[in-house]
C-alpha atoms as a PDB file:
ATOM      1  CA  MET A   1      -8.108-164.200 -69.692  1.00  0.00           C
ATOM      2  CA  LYS A   2      -7.266-163.252 -66.110  1.00  0.00           C
ATOM      3  CA  ASN A   3      -3.718-162.116 -65.362  1.00  0.00           C
ATOM      4  CA  HIS A   4      -1.806-164.029 -62.715  1.00  0.00           C
ATOM      5  CA  ASN A   5       1.209-162.742 -60.831  1.00  0.00           C
ATOM      6  CA  ILE A   6       4.127-164.950 -59.889  1.00  0.00           C
ATOM      7  CA  ILE A   7       6.944-163.896 -57.589  1.00  0.00           C
ATOM      8  CA  VAL A   8      10.170-165.859 -57.969  1.00  0.00           C
ATOM      9  CA  HIS A   9      13.281-165.524 -55.820  1.00  0.00           C
ATOM     10  CA  PRO A  10      16.289-166.847 -57.734  1.00  0.00           C
ATOM     11  CA  ALA A  11      19.332-167.302 -55.529  1.00  0.00           C
ATOM     12  CA  ASN A  12      21.829-166.147 -58.130  1.00  0.00           C
ATOM     13  CA  GLU A  13      22.298-164.815 -61.655  1.00  0.00           C
ATOM     14  CA  GLN A  14      22.429-168.312 -63.161  1.00  0.00           C
ATOM     15  CA  GLU A  15      19.007-169.215 -61.748  1.00  0.00           C
ATOM     16  CA  LEU A  16      17.617-165.904 -63.010  1.00  0.00           C
ATOM     17  CA  ASN A  17      18.920-166.627 -66.510  1.00  0.00           C
ATOM     18  CA  VAL A  18      17.322-170.091 -66.509  1.00  0.00           C
ATOM     19  CA  ILE A  19      13.977-168.651 -65.410  1.00  0.00           C
ATOM     20  CA  LYS A  20      14.149-165.939 -68.079  1.00  0.00           C
ATOM     21  CA  ALA A  21      14.975-168.525 -70.763  1.00  0.00           C
ATOM     22  CA  PHE A  22      12.067-170.708 -69.626  1.00  0.00           C
ATOM     23  CA  PHE A  23       9.562-167.851 -69.834  1.00  0.00           C
ATOM     24  CA  GLU A  24      10.935-166.711 -73.180  1.00  0.00           C
ATOM     25  CA  ALA A  25      10.710-170.247 -74.590  1.00  0.00           C
ATOM     26  CA  LEU A  26       7.045-170.434 -73.575  1.00  0.00           C
ATOM     27  CA  LYS A  27       6.419-166.880 -74.827  1.00  0.00           C
ATOM     28  CA  ILE A  28       5.264-165.809 -71.359  1.00  0.00           C
ATOM     29  CA  LYS A  29       5.504-162.068 -70.757  1.00  0.00           C
ATOM     30  CA  PHE A  30       7.557-161.206 -67.685  1.00  0.00           C
ATOM     31  CA  GLU A  31       9.504-158.407 -66.107  1.00  0.00           C
ATOM     32  CA  VAL A  32      12.439-158.383 -63.743  1.00  0.00           C
ATOM     33  CA  ALA A  33      12.100-155.902 -60.903  1.00  0.00           C
ATOM     34  CA  GLU A  34      15.321-154.066 -60.213  1.00  0.00           C
ATOM     35  CA  LYS A  35      14.174-153.046 -56.749  1.00  0.00           C
ATOM     36  CA  SER A  36      12.602-155.109 -53.980  1.00  0.00           C
ATOM     37  CA  PRO A  37       8.940-154.302 -53.327  1.00  0.00           C
ATOM     38  CA  TYR A  38       9.645-154.541 -49.598  1.00  0.00           C
ATOM     39  CA  ASN A  39      10.712-151.667 -47.375  1.00  0.00           C
ATOM     40  CA  SER A  40      14.373-152.380 -46.574  1.00  0.00           C
ATOM     41  CA  ASP A  41      14.043-151.016 -43.004  1.00  0.00           C
ATOM     42  CA  VAL A  42      11.244-153.475 -42.252  1.00  0.00           C
ATOM     43  CA  VAL A  43      13.158-156.360 -43.816  1.00  0.00           C
ATOM     44  CA  ASP A  44      16.238-155.498 -41.732  1.00  0.00           C
ATOM     45  CA  LYS A  45      14.162-155.442 -38.527  1.00  0.00           C
ATOM     46  CA  VAL A  46      12.519-158.779 -39.301  1.00  0.00           C
ATOM     47  CA  LEU A  47      15.887-160.379 -40.055  1.00  0.00           C
ATOM     48  CA  GLN A  48      17.365-158.901 -36.868  1.00  0.00           C
ATOM     49  CA  GLY A  49      14.427-160.312 -34.888  1.00  0.00           C
ATOM     50  CA  LYS A  50      15.039-163.745 -36.382  1.00  0.00           C
ATOM     51  CA  THR A  51      18.724-163.534 -35.439  1.00  0.00           C
ATOM     52  CA  ASP A  52      17.834-162.402 -31.914  1.00  0.00           C
ATOM     53  CA  ILE A  53      15.507-165.369 -31.433  1.00  0.00           C
ATOM     54  CA  GLU A  54      18.152-167.779 -32.746  1.00  0.00           C
ATOM     55  CA  ASP A  55      20.604-166.242 -30.245  1.00  0.00           C
ATOM     56  CA  GLY A  56      18.179-166.872 -27.368  1.00  0.00           C
ATOM     57  CA  LYS A  57      17.217-163.220 -26.921  1.00  0.00           C
ATOM     58  CA  GLY A  58      13.491-163.775 -27.492  1.00  0.00           C
ATOM     59  CA  ILE A  59      10.771-164.441 -24.953  1.00  0.00           C
ATOM     60  CA  SER A  60       7.714-166.681 -25.038  1.00  0.00           C
ATOM     61  CA  LEU A  61       4.224-165.455 -24.260  1.00  0.00           C
ATOM     62  CA  SER A  62       1.036-167.421 -23.882  1.00  0.00           C
ATOM     63  CA  ILE A  63      -2.074-166.224 -25.691  1.00  0.00           C
ATOM     64  CA  GLU A  64      -3.443-165.013 -22.352  1.00  0.00           C
ATOM     65  CA  GLU A  65      -0.298-162.961 -21.645  1.00  0.00           C
ATOM     66  CA  LEU A  66      -0.405-161.490 -25.137  1.00  0.00           C
ATOM     67  CA  ASN A  67      -4.088-160.575 -24.770  1.00  0.00           C
ATOM     68  CA  LYS A  68      -3.346-158.802 -21.480  1.00  0.00           C
ATOM     69  CA  LEU A  69      -0.686-156.697 -23.238  1.00  0.00           C
ATOM     70  CA  CYS A  70      -3.227-155.710 -25.876  1.00  0.00           C
ATOM     71  CA  GLU A  71      -5.890-154.507 -23.417  1.00  0.00           C
END
């Protein structure tokens, strides 16, 4: 049987406990990662970019303008 990976993002400890109980009840093997698989510097930059856009600090480019920047 092929293995499948599922990534779940519980919002709090209670949700995590419910998910663990569910998997245990169905006898599904699982593991809880103690560390995020994502580079924290990259995550911080992405979140900062999102905040900047929400604060009106972003700019809009057309596809043509973007292509010119990439030449």
